[in-house]
Amino acid sequence: MANKPKLSEEDQARVDEFLKSGYNRTEKKPYRPLLLLLVLWIVVTALGAMAYWLTQSAGIL
């Protein structure tokens, strides 16, 4: 099979121009791994505390 382009050269040029224009591009906030670690630590601690409280109130421990 021959590598036949799916778009004409004119259409491909328009697609390339659109992709280079940055349409709908948004600014991203910087990645903050320490904040993510803090949030995860808080969630895990809260779930652990809740599990401990539930076992205490049920008389399991």
PDB file of N, CA and C in Angstrom:
ATOM      1  N   MET A   1       0.840  -1.177   0.000  1.00  0.00           N
ATOM      2  CA  MET A   1       0.000   0.000   0.000  1.00  0.00           C
ATOM      3  C   MET A   1       0.886   1.241   0.000  1.00  0.00           C
ATOM      4  N   ALA A   2       0.491   2.181  -0.787  1.00  0.00           N
ATOM      5  CA  ALA A   2       1.239   3.433  -0.856  1.00  0.00           C
ATOM      6  C   ALA A   2       0.826   4.341   0.295  1.00  0.00           C
ATOM      7  N   ASN A   3       1.757   5.157   0.772  1.00  0.00           N
ATOM      8  CA  ASN A   3       1.442   6.124   1.821  1.00  0.00           C
ATOM      9  C   ASN A   3       0.789   7.344   1.201  1.00  0.00           C
ATOM     10  N   LYS A   4      -0.494   7.243   1.001  1.00  0.00           N
ATOM     11  CA  LYS A   4      -1.250   8.313   0.378  1.00  0.00           C
ATOM     12  C   LYS A   4      -1.786   9.227   1.478  1.00  0.00           C
ATOM     13  N   PRO A   5      -1.508  10.536   1.422  1.00  0.00           N
ATOM     14  CA  PRO A   5      -2.000  11.426   2.481  1.00  0.00           C
ATOM     15  C   PRO A   5      -3.523  11.494   2.472  1.00  0.00           C
ATOM     16  N   LYS A   6      -4.085  11.604   3.674  1.00  0.00           N
ATOM     17  CA  LYS A   6      -5.538  11.663   3.795  1.00  0.00           C
ATOM     18  C   LYS A   6      -6.072  13.061   3.498  1.00  0.00           C
ATOM     19  N   LEU A   7      -5.246  14.076   3.689  1.00  0.00           N
ATOM     20  CA  LEU A   7      -5.655  15.457   3.446  1.00  0.00           C
ATOM     21  C   LEU A   7      -4.887  16.023   2.266  1.00  0.00           C
ATOM     22  N   SER A   8      -5.532  16.949   1.594  1.00  0.00           N
ATOM     23  CA  SER A   8      -4.815  17.642   0.524  1.00  0.00           C
ATOM     24  C   SER A   8      -3.779  18.567   1.160  1.00  0.00           C
ATOM     25  N   GLU A   9      -2.847  19.038   0.375  1.00  0.00           N
ATOM     26  CA  GLU A   9      -1.811  19.924   0.912  1.00  0.00           C
ATOM     27  C   GLU A   9      -2.422  21.195   1.495  1.00  0.00           C
ATOM     28  N   GLU A  10      -3.456  21.710   0.851  1.00  0.00           N
ATOM     29  CA  GLU A  10      -4.120  22.925   1.333  1.00  0.00           C
ATOM     30  C   GLU A  10      -4.786  22.688   2.687  1.00  0.00           C
ATOM     31  N   ASP A  11      -5.490  21.559   2.819  1.00  0.00           N
ATOM     32  CA  ASP A  11      -6.146  21.237   4.089  1.00  0.00           C
ATOM     33  C   ASP A  11      -5.118  20.980   5.188  1.00  0.00           C
ATOM     34  N   GLN A  12      -4.036  20.280   4.852  1.00  0.00           N
ATOM     35  CA  GLN A  12      -3.002  20.013   5.829  1.00  0.00           C
ATOM     36  C   GLN A  12      -2.352  21.307   6.313  1.00  0.00           C
ATOM     37  N   ALA A  13      -2.178  22.271   5.401  1.00  0.00           N
ATOM     38  CA  ALA A  13      -1.608  23.564   5.782  1.00  0.00           C
ATOM     39  C   ALA A  13      -2.537  24.293   6.748  1.00  0.00           C
ATOM     40  N   ARG A  14      -3.842  24.208   6.513  1.00  0.00           N
ATOM     41  CA  ARG A  14      -4.801  24.842   7.424  1.00  0.00           C
ATOM     42  C   ARG A  14      -4.797  24.171   8.797  1.00  0.00           C
ATOM     43  N   VAL A  15      -4.701  22.849   8.804  1.00  0.00           N
ATOM     44  CA  VAL A  15      -4.636  22.127  10.075  1.00  0.00           C
ATOM     45  C   VAL A  15      -3.372  22.518  10.830  1.00  0.00           C
ATOM     46  N   ASP A  16      -2.245  22.567  10.145  1.00  0.00           N
ATOM     47  CA  ASP A  16      -0.982  22.939  10.789  1.00  0.00           C
ATOM     48  C   ASP A  16      -1.043  24.356  11.337  1.00  0.00           C
ATOM     49  N   GLU A  17      -1.643  25.261  10.607  1.00  0.00           N
ATOM     50  CA  GLU A  17      -1.766  26.655  11.064  1.00  0.00           C
ATOM     51  C   GLU A  17      -2.645  26.736  12.311  1.00  0.00           C
ATOM     52  N   PHE A  18      -3.716  25.973  12.322  1.00  0.00           N
ATOM     53  CA  PHE A  18      -4.606  25.959  13.485  1.00  0.00           C
ATOM     54  C   PHE A  18      -3.876  25.419  14.714  1.00  0.00           C
ATOM     55  N   LEU A  19      -3.108  24.357  14.545  1.00  0.00           N
ATOM     56  CA  LEU A  19      -2.393  23.772  15.678  1.00  0.00           C
ATOM     57  C   LEU A  19      -1.311  24.697  16.214  1.00  0.00           C
ATOM     58  N   LYS A  20      -0.718  25.493  15.351  1.00  0.00           N
ATOM     59  CA  LYS A  20       0.317  26.434  15.780  1.00  0.00           C
ATOM     60  C   LYS A  20      -0.271  27.684  16.432  1.00  0.00           C
ATOM     61  N   SER A  21      -1.547  27.954  16.202  1.00  0.00           N
ATOM     62  CA  SER A  21      -2.147  29.197  16.691  1.00  0.00           C
ATOM     63  C   SER A  21      -2.333  29.200  18.210  1.00  0.00           C
ATOM     64  N   GLY A  22      -2.370  28.024  18.859  1.00  0.00           N
ATOM     65  CA  GLY A  22      -2.545  27.969  20.301  1.00  0.00           C
ATOM     66  C   GLY A  22      -3.976  28.223  20.740  1.00  0.00           C
ATOM     67  N   TYR A  23      -4.924  27.984  19.894  1.00  0.00           N
ATOM     68  CA  TYR A  23      -6.336  28.181  20.215  1.00  0.00           C
ATOM     69  C   TYR A  23      -6.710  27.306  21.401  1.00  0.00           C
ATOM     70  N   ASN A  24      -7.417  27.871  22.351  1.00  0.00           N
ATOM     71  CA  ASN A  24      -7.853  27.197  23.578  1.00  0.00           C
ATOM     72  C   ASN A  24      -6.692  26.797  24.478  1.00  0.00           C
ATOM     73  N   ARG A  25      -5.556  27.416  24.349  1.00  0.00           N
ATOM     74  CA  ARG A  25      -4.430  27.121  25.228  1.00  0.00           C
ATOM     75  C   ARG A  25      -4.645  27.826  26.557  1.00  0.00           C
ATOM     76  N   THR A  26      -4.421  27.118  27.635  1.00  0.00           N
ATOM     77  CA  THR A  26      -4.601  27.698  28.965  1.00  0.00           C
ATOM     78  C   THR A  26      -3.286  27.658  29.721  1.00  0.00           C
ATOM     79  N   GLU A  27      -3.125  28.610  30.608  1.00  0.00           N
ATOM     80  CA  GLU A  27      -1.941  28.632  31.458  1.00  0.00           C
ATOM     81  C   GLU A  27      -2.142  27.620  32.578  1.00  0.00           C
ATOM     82  N   LYS A  28      -1.123  26.831  32.846  1.00  0.00           N
ATOM     83  CA  LYS A  28      -1.207  25.831  33.900  1.00  0.00           C
ATOM     84  C   LYS A  28      -0.501  26.347  35.144  1.00  0.00           C
ATOM     85  N   LYS A  29      -1.053  25.976  36.288  1.00  0.00           N
ATOM     86  CA  LYS A  29      -0.403  26.314  37.547  1.00  0.00           C
ATOM     87  C   LYS A  29       0.837  25.430  37.708  1.00  0.00           C
ATOM     88  N   PRO A  30       1.828  25.910  38.428  1.00  0.00           N
ATOM     89  CA  PRO A  30       3.022  25.085  38.622  1.00  0.00           C
ATOM     90  C   PRO A  30       2.713  23.860  39.481  1.00  0.00           C
ATOM     91  N   TYR A  31       3.428  22.782  39.197  1.00  0.00           N
ATOM     92  CA  TYR A  31       3.258  21.534  39.944  1.00  0.00           C
ATOM     93  C   TYR A  31       3.873  21.696  41.329  1.00  0.00           C
ATOM     94  N   ARG A  32       3.102  21.379  42.363  1.00  0.00           N
ATOM     95  CA  ARG A  32       3.556  21.560  43.742  1.00  0.00           C
ATOM     96  C   ARG A  32       3.475  20.215  44.476  1.00  0.00           C
ATOM     97  N   PRO A  33       4.538  19.418  44.390  1.00  0.00           N
ATOM     98  CA  PRO A  33       4.481  18.081  44.990  1.00  0.00           C
ATOM     99  C   PRO A  33       4.374  18.096  46.510  1.00  0.00           C
ATOM    100  N   LEU A  34       4.931  19.096  47.172  1.00  0.00           N
ATOM    101  CA  LEU A  34       4.829  19.133  48.628  1.00  0.00           C
ATOM    102  C   LEU A  34       3.394  19.372  49.086  1.00  0.00           C
ATOM    103  N   LEU A  35       2.646  20.180  48.345  1.00  0.00           N
ATOM    104  CA  LEU A  35       1.239  20.386  48.666  1.00  0.00           C
ATOM    105  C   LEU A  35       0.458  19.085  48.469  1.00  0.00           C
ATOM    106  N   LEU A  36       0.747  18.375  47.413  1.00  0.00           N
ATOM    107  CA  LEU A  36       0.097  17.085  47.172  1.00  0.00           C
ATOM    108  C   LEU A  36       0.410  16.108  48.302  1.00  0.00           C
ATOM    109  N   LEU A  37       1.663  16.071  48.734  1.00  0.00           N
ATOM    110  CA  LEU A  37       2.052  15.196  49.831  1.00  0.00           C
ATOM    111  C   LEU A  37       1.312  15.576  51.118  1.00  0.00           C
ATOM    112  N   LEU A  38       1.196  16.855  51.387  1.00  0.00           N
ATOM    113  CA  LEU A  38       0.486  17.323  52.571  1.00  0.00           C
ATOM    114  C   LEU A  38      -0.992  16.926  52.542  1.00  0.00           C
ATOM    115  N   VAL A  39      -1.637  17.121  51.413  1.00  0.00           N
ATOM    116  CA  VAL A  39      -3.055  16.769  51.291  1.00  0.00           C
ATOM    117  C   VAL A  39      -3.241  15.267  51.475  1.00  0.00           C
ATOM    118  N   LEU A  40      -2.375  14.462  50.857  1.00  0.00           N
ATOM    119  CA  LEU A  40      -2.483  13.015  51.009  1.00  0.00           C
ATOM    120  C   LEU A  40      -2.254  12.592  52.457  1.00  0.00           C
ATOM    121  N   TRP A  41      -1.304  13.222  53.125  1.00  0.00           N
ATOM    122  CA  TRP A  41      -1.028  12.890  54.515  1.00  0.00           C
ATOM    123  C   TRP A  41      -2.243  13.205  55.390  1.00  0.00           C
ATOM    124  N   ILE A  42      -2.872  14.340  55.152  1.00  0.00           N
ATOM    125  CA  ILE A  42      -4.058  14.729  55.921  1.00  0.00           C
ATOM    126  C   ILE A  42      -5.202  13.743  55.689  1.00  0.00           C
ATOM    127  N   VAL A  43      -5.428  13.352  54.445  1.00  0.00           N
ATOM    128  CA  VAL A  43      -6.517  12.424  54.123  1.00  0.00           C
ATOM    129  C   VAL A  43      -6.274  11.064  54.764  1.00  0.00           C
ATOM    130  N   VAL A  44      -5.063  10.551  54.633  1.00  0.00           N
ATOM    131  CA  VAL A  44      -4.759   9.234  55.207  1.00  0.00           C
ATOM    132  C   VAL A  44      -4.866   9.269  56.730  1.00  0.00           C
ATOM    133  N   THR A  45      -4.379  10.342  57.346  1.00  0.00           N
ATOM    134  CA  THR A  45      -4.477  10.476  58.804  1.00  0.00           C
ATOM    135  C   THR A  45      -5.936  10.561  59.244  1.00  0.00           C
ATOM    136  N   ALA A  46      -6.742  11.314  58.535  1.00  0.00           N
ATOM    137  CA  ALA A  46      -8.164  11.444  58.887  1.00  0.00           C
ATOM    138  C   ALA A  46      -8.884  10.105  58.736  1.00  0.00           C
ATOM    139  N   LEU A  47      -8.599   9.372  57.673  1.00  0.00           N
ATOM    140  CA  LEU A  47      -9.240   8.067  57.502  1.00  0.00           C
ATOM    141  C   LEU A  47      -8.782   7.081  58.568  1.00  0.00           C
ATOM    142  N   GLY A  48      -7.509   7.121  58.921  1.00  0.00           N
ATOM    143  CA  GLY A  48      -7.012   6.250  59.984  1.00  0.00           C
ATOM    144  C   GLY A  48      -7.649   6.574  61.322  1.00  0.00           C
ATOM    145  N   ALA A  49      -7.771   7.862  61.624  1.00  0.00           N
ATOM    146  CA  ALA A  49      -8.405   8.270  62.875  1.00  0.00           C
ATOM    147  C   ALA A  49      -9.865   7.857  62.912  1.00  0.00           C
ATOM    148  N   MET A  50     -10.540   7.990  61.797  1.00  0.00           N
ATOM    149  CA  MET A  50     -11.949   7.593  61.737  1.00  0.00           C
ATOM    150  C   MET A  50     -12.076   6.077  61.918  1.00  0.00           C
ATOM    151  N   ALA A  51     -11.194   5.302  61.316  1.00  0.00           N
ATOM    152  CA  ALA A  51     -11.239   3.851  61.480  1.00  0.00           C
ATOM    153  C   ALA A  51     -10.957   3.465  62.926  1.00  0.00           C
ATOM    154  N   TYR A  52      -9.996   4.136  63.544  1.00  0.00           N
ATOM    155  CA  TYR A  52      -9.685   3.860  64.951  1.00  0.00           C
ATOM    156  C   TYR A  52     -10.884   4.187  65.840  1.00  0.00           C
ATOM    157  N   TRP A  53     -11.527   5.323  65.590  1.00  0.00           N
ATOM    158  CA  TRP A  53     -12.707   5.712  66.363  1.00  0.00           C
ATOM    159  C   TRP A  53     -13.839   4.712  66.197  1.00  0.00           C
ATOM    160  N   LEU A  54     -14.033   4.240  64.965  1.00  0.00           N
ATOM    161  CA  LEU A  54     -15.111   3.270  64.721  1.00  0.00           C
ATOM    162  C   LEU A  54     -14.844   1.958  65.441  1.00  0.00           C
ATOM    163  N   THR A  55     -13.584   1.508  65.462  1.00  0.00           N
ATOM    164  CA  THR A  55     -13.284   0.266  66.171  1.00  0.00           C
ATOM    165  C   THR A  55     -13.432   0.446  67.685  1.00  0.00           C
ATOM    166  N   GLN A  56     -13.070   1.605  68.187  1.00  0.00           N
ATOM    167  CA  GLN A  56     -13.245   1.876  69.619  1.00  0.00           C
ATOM    168  C   GLN A  56     -14.725   1.902  69.996  1.00  0.00           C
ATOM    169  N   SER A  57     -15.513   2.563  69.164  1.00  0.00           N
ATOM    170  CA  SER A  57     -16.955   2.682  69.491  1.00  0.00           C
ATOM    171  C   SER A  57     -17.681   1.344  69.316  1.00  0.00           C
ATOM    172  N   ALA A  58     -17.172   0.475  68.467  1.00  0.00           N
ATOM    173  CA  ALA A  58     -17.798  -0.836  68.281  1.00  0.00           C
ATOM    174  C   ALA A  58     -17.293  -1.851  69.287  1.00  0.00           C
ATOM    175  N   GLY A  59     -16.238  -1.501  70.056  1.00  0.00           N
ATOM    176  CA  GLY A  59     -15.717  -2.406  71.068  1.00  0.00           C
ATOM    177  C   GLY A  59     -14.811  -3.488  70.510  1.00  0.00           C
ATOM    178  N   ILE A  60     -14.288  -3.278  69.333  1.00  0.00           N
ATOM    179  CA  ILE A  60     -13.425  -4.286  68.715  1.00  0.00           C
ATOM    180  C   ILE A  60     -12.040  -4.256  69.340  1.00  0.00           C
ATOM    181  N   LEU A  61     -11.521  -3.064  69.624  1.00  0.00           N
ATOM    182  CA  LEU A  61     -10.194  -2.959  70.233  1.00  0.00           C
ATOM    183  C   LEU A  61     -10.318  -2.766  71.717  1.00  0.00           C
TER     184      LEU A  61
END
